[in-house]
Amino acid sequence: MSRLGRAGVWMGLILSAAAVQAAERFPPPQFETDYQMPTLTTPLPRAAVWELADVAVLAAALGLASWLTLRKRSRRGIAVLSVFSLLYFGFWRKGCICSVGSLGNVVLSLFDSSYVLPLTVAAFFLLPILFTLFFGRVFCGSVCPLGAIQDWVVFRPLAVPAWLETTLRLGAWLYLAAAVLFAAVGAGLLICRYDPFIAFFRLGFNTPLWLLGLLFLAVGVFIARPYCRFVCPYGLLLRQAGRLAFWQVRITPDECIQCRLCEDACPFGAIQPPTAPWPESMRPVERRRLVFLFGLLFVLMGLGGWLGYRVHTGLAAGHPTVELARQVRLRQAGLMTEPTDTVRAFEVSGRTLRSLWAQEADVFQRFAWGGLWAGAFVGFVAGIKLIQISIHFKRTDYEADRAGCLACGRCFAFCPRHRIWETGKPTDSGETS
């Protein structure tokens, strides 16, 4: 063997020994362990381009819904668009991100400086509100997947008395106050956590949510869209925006002939009949009633604030820090033999008990103030509802309620003037457009 060959052999042996030594010093990680990867409950984040595509689809759907509702006046088109929205925003996008759930993210970004609101979430929150301010609640009528899935089980809708409708809607205001409170103190996003239809959209095996969704659909056979009308917190924001809408859904394309055919057409009770003239003799009585109700408004706010403060301890139990402190106390008292994952993580983190108790006290304080304001807010809403019921509004024609109309277009086909406008043919009475 030549000198050059022997040098090559020695160099190879040295490199091989170094490689073996390096392999022993830095052994590869052991991927075969007993660790069980947790099951994801939310979809994985999408690429930015696809998130922008979702925003573009939402904007296009809202624009198409506005055109179908106000210009085309097509119930069939609205129904087809609602099917698309259910498939895309519901089953394809697995219900996330949705405009209803984005409310919690917006509140969290306002109270937690470390949380940055994604632009996609901001767009999903703002776009339906902006379109409602111009065109009414077209989002609820054909773009919201939660509304669409309920819309297809409305077979035998029953009329809900106005007083009962208003009373049940107070539950939605209470839910809104709780959702804002929990998001503001960092206790979680209630609207997303208890979305009754998310188990359908994700085909997950969350039995309580499946049962909750099935319950809403079963009730929806007789009470149209119960979640939208009596639970949805985002729908409450759209109701207020709908009152200010620049253009609004009209039952008739031109004049109302007061045929009363549309009176029972709306399954949501959003068609308001003409009102009778208000007798002059009743005005002094109504003024005294309004003065009383304004005074009652402050009483209800105080009562609501007191109740909210009283229940803050129970509400705070839903905060993860308070729950961790409870488990640590059980562990110290010997009532918990096997520590939970959160307790085990706390024990190995090096955090002191004093810091945990201080964080727990801070959470209790925030819930106390938050419960006070949330309760006062619900009391304020209840008082305003009483005042609103007592005010006489003058109407000469059948009109769609600006706040309650979901822009579904069901009433169009019941209006003879719409049929003339649509076909250009005279009706049985001989009228033409």
Foldseek 3Di string as FASTA:
>chain_A
DDPVVVVVVVVVVVVVVVVVVVCVVCPDDDPPDPDDDDDDPADDDDDPVVLVVVLVVLLVLLVVLLCCQQPVLDLVSLLVLQVVLLVVCFQVVLVPPAQLLLVLVVLLVVQPVVRDRDPSSVSRPVVQLVSCLARNQSCLQRNHNLNSVLQVLQAAEDDDDPVVLVVLQLQQLLLLLLQSLCSNLVLDRVCVVQVLCSCVNHVDDPVVSPVSVVVQSVVCNHQPPCCLRRHRNSLQSSLVSLVNHNHYGWLFPDDFPQPCLLVPQDSQNQKDFFDDDDDPVCVVVLVVVLVVLVVQLQVLLQVQLVVLLVCLVVSLCSHPLVVLLVQVVCVVVVVDPDRDPSVVCVVVVPDDPVVSVVVSVVSSVSSNVSSNNSRSVSSNVVSVVVSVVSDDDGDDGIGGHSSRDNSSSSSNVSGLNSVLVNPQDADPVRDHD
